[in-house]
Structure formats: structure tokens, C-alpha cells
Amino acid sequence: MKLHPTQIDRLVHNVIDKLKERELIEFKKSEKEVIARAIELVNLDFKREDDLVQEVHRMMDELEIQNPGGFDRRKMFPMLKQKLAKQKGIVL
């Protein structure tokens, strides 16, 4: 899933605001620093998923070379992505 930087910013702000409203969060650093770090972590998570997708495509390319003609990329992509994500501890 691709999100625009402004969407990520809005998402993080909404989550932080909801946590503050319910008094479920206490800042040890400034709110601005917490928001910046949260945005950084969300971006890193999306980068991990992008890297995973690239790795799955490479794996499918190799499988297609080994098994020409008997390979459906549309069916294999989600299966490989789920399996690899589970192995790497990535939540999709």
C-alpha cells in the first residue's frame, strides 16, 4: 500500500490525538519529537514491505526460469509474499 507523506502525517497525528484524548499516552520527550519518530517508523515499515515485494518478484523470476510455462504469477505472488512476510516477521 502506498501512502502520500501528507497521509502518513495525518495518520500519525490522528493516532497520537486519540491516545491523548483517552489519556493512554504520556510523553517523555516533546510531542513534536514523538510525532517525528512515529512518522519515521511508519515510513520504515512501508520501506520494509516494498523491499519484500521486490524480493518476491525476484523469487518469482527465478521460479519462472526453473519452471517455464507451468507458473501463474498472479496466484504465486500473494502466497510467496505471505510466506516470506511470516518468515521475516513483517505484518502485512
Protein backbone atom coordinates (compact mmCIF):
# COMPACT_ATOMS: atom_id res chain seq x y z
CA MET A 1 0.00 0.00 0.00
CA LYS A 2 1.31 3.41 -0.93
CA LEU A 3 0.54 6.45 1.17
CA HIS A 4 1.46 10.02 0.38
CA PRO A 5 3.62 11.74 3.03
CA THR A 6 0.72 14.01 3.99
CA GLN A 7 -1.49 10.94 4.54
CA ILE A 8 1.15 9.40 6.80
CA ASP A 9 1.45 12.67 8.70
CA ARG A 10 -2.32 12.87 9.15
CA LEU A 11 -2.49 9.22 10.23
CA VAL A 12 0.18 9.67 12.89
CA HIS A 13 -1.37 12.88 14.17
CA ASN A 14 -4.80 11.23 14.41
CA VAL A 15 -3.44 8.26 16.36
CA ILE A 16 -1.49 10.49 18.76
CA ASP A 17 -4.52 12.77 19.23
CA LYS A 18 -6.80 9.81 20.02
CA LEU A 19 -4.29 8.40 22.51
CA LYS A 20 -4.03 11.81 24.19
CA GLU A 21 -7.84 12.18 24.37
CA ARG A 22 -8.13 8.86 26.14
CA GLU A 23 -5.12 9.64 28.36
CA LEU A 24 -3.35 6.49 27.16
CA ILE A 25 -0.07 8.20 26.32
CA GLU A 26 2.46 10.15 28.32
CA PHE A 27 5.33 11.86 26.55
CA LYS A 28 8.88 11.52 27.84
CA LYS A 29 10.04 13.78 25.03
CA SER A 30 8.29 16.61 23.26
CA GLU A 31 5.17 15.77 21.29
CA LYS A 32 6.87 17.07 18.16
CA GLU A 33 9.76 14.61 18.61
CA VAL A 34 7.35 11.73 19.23
CA ILE A 35 5.36 12.54 16.08
CA ALA A 36 8.54 12.83 14.00
CA ARG A 37 9.75 9.44 15.26
CA ALA A 38 6.35 7.83 14.63
CA ILE A 39 6.34 9.15 11.06
CA GLU A 40 9.86 7.79 10.59
CA LEU A 41 8.78 4.35 11.86
CA VAL A 42 5.73 4.23 9.60
CA ASN A 43 7.91 5.13 6.61
CA LEU A 44 10.42 2.42 7.56
CA ASP A 45 7.62 -0.13 7.76
CA PHE A 46 6.40 0.78 4.27
CA LYS A 47 10.01 0.53 3.03
CA ARG A 48 10.26 -2.99 4.51
CA GLU A 49 7.12 -4.00 2.63
CA ASP A 50 8.45 -2.51 -0.63
CA ASP A 51 11.69 -4.47 -0.16
CA LEU A 52 9.65 -7.60 0.48
CA VAL A 53 7.68 -7.10 -2.75
CA GLN A 54 10.92 -6.71 -4.73
CA GLU A 55 12.29 -9.88 -3.18
CA VAL A 56 9.10 -11.79 -4.05
CA HIS A 57 9.35 -10.60 -7.66
CA ARG A 58 12.97 -11.81 -7.83
CA MET A 59 11.92 -15.18 -6.40
CA MET A 60 9.12 -15.49 -8.96
CA ASP A 61 11.54 -14.63 -11.77
CA GLU A 62 13.82 -17.45 -10.62
CA LEU A 63 10.91 -19.88 -10.30
CA GLU A 64 9.67 -18.95 -13.75
CA ILE A 65 13.09 -19.69 -15.23
CA GLN A 66 13.15 -23.09 -13.47
CA ASN A 67 9.55 -23.92 -14.45
CA PRO A 68 8.80 -22.36 -17.82
CA GLY A 69 5.14 -22.40 -18.83
CA GLY A 70 3.76 -24.01 -15.67
CA PHE A 71 3.67 -20.97 -13.46
CA ASP A 72 0.88 -18.49 -12.65
CA ARG A 73 2.44 -15.29 -11.27
CA ARG A 74 -0.93 -13.88 -10.10
CA LYS A 75 -1.52 -16.87 -7.85
CA MET A 76 2.04 -17.25 -6.66
CA PHE A 77 2.66 -13.62 -5.71
CA PRO A 78 0.32 -13.44 -2.68
CA MET A 79 1.36 -16.91 -1.50
CA LEU A 80 5.05 -16.10 -1.65
CA LYS A 81 4.54 -12.65 -0.14
CA GLN A 82 2.62 -14.07 2.84
CA LYS A 83 5.15 -16.84 3.41
CA LEU A 84 8.15 -14.53 3.18
CA ALA A 85 6.49 -11.88 5.37
CA LYS A 86 5.83 -14.51 8.04
CA GLN A 87 9.45 -15.70 7.90
CA LYS A 88 10.75 -12.14 8.23
CA GLY A 89 8.25 -11.11 10.89
CA ILE A 90 6.57 -8.47 8.72
CA VAL A 91 2.93 -7.77 9.44
CA LEU A 92 1.01 -7.02 6.27
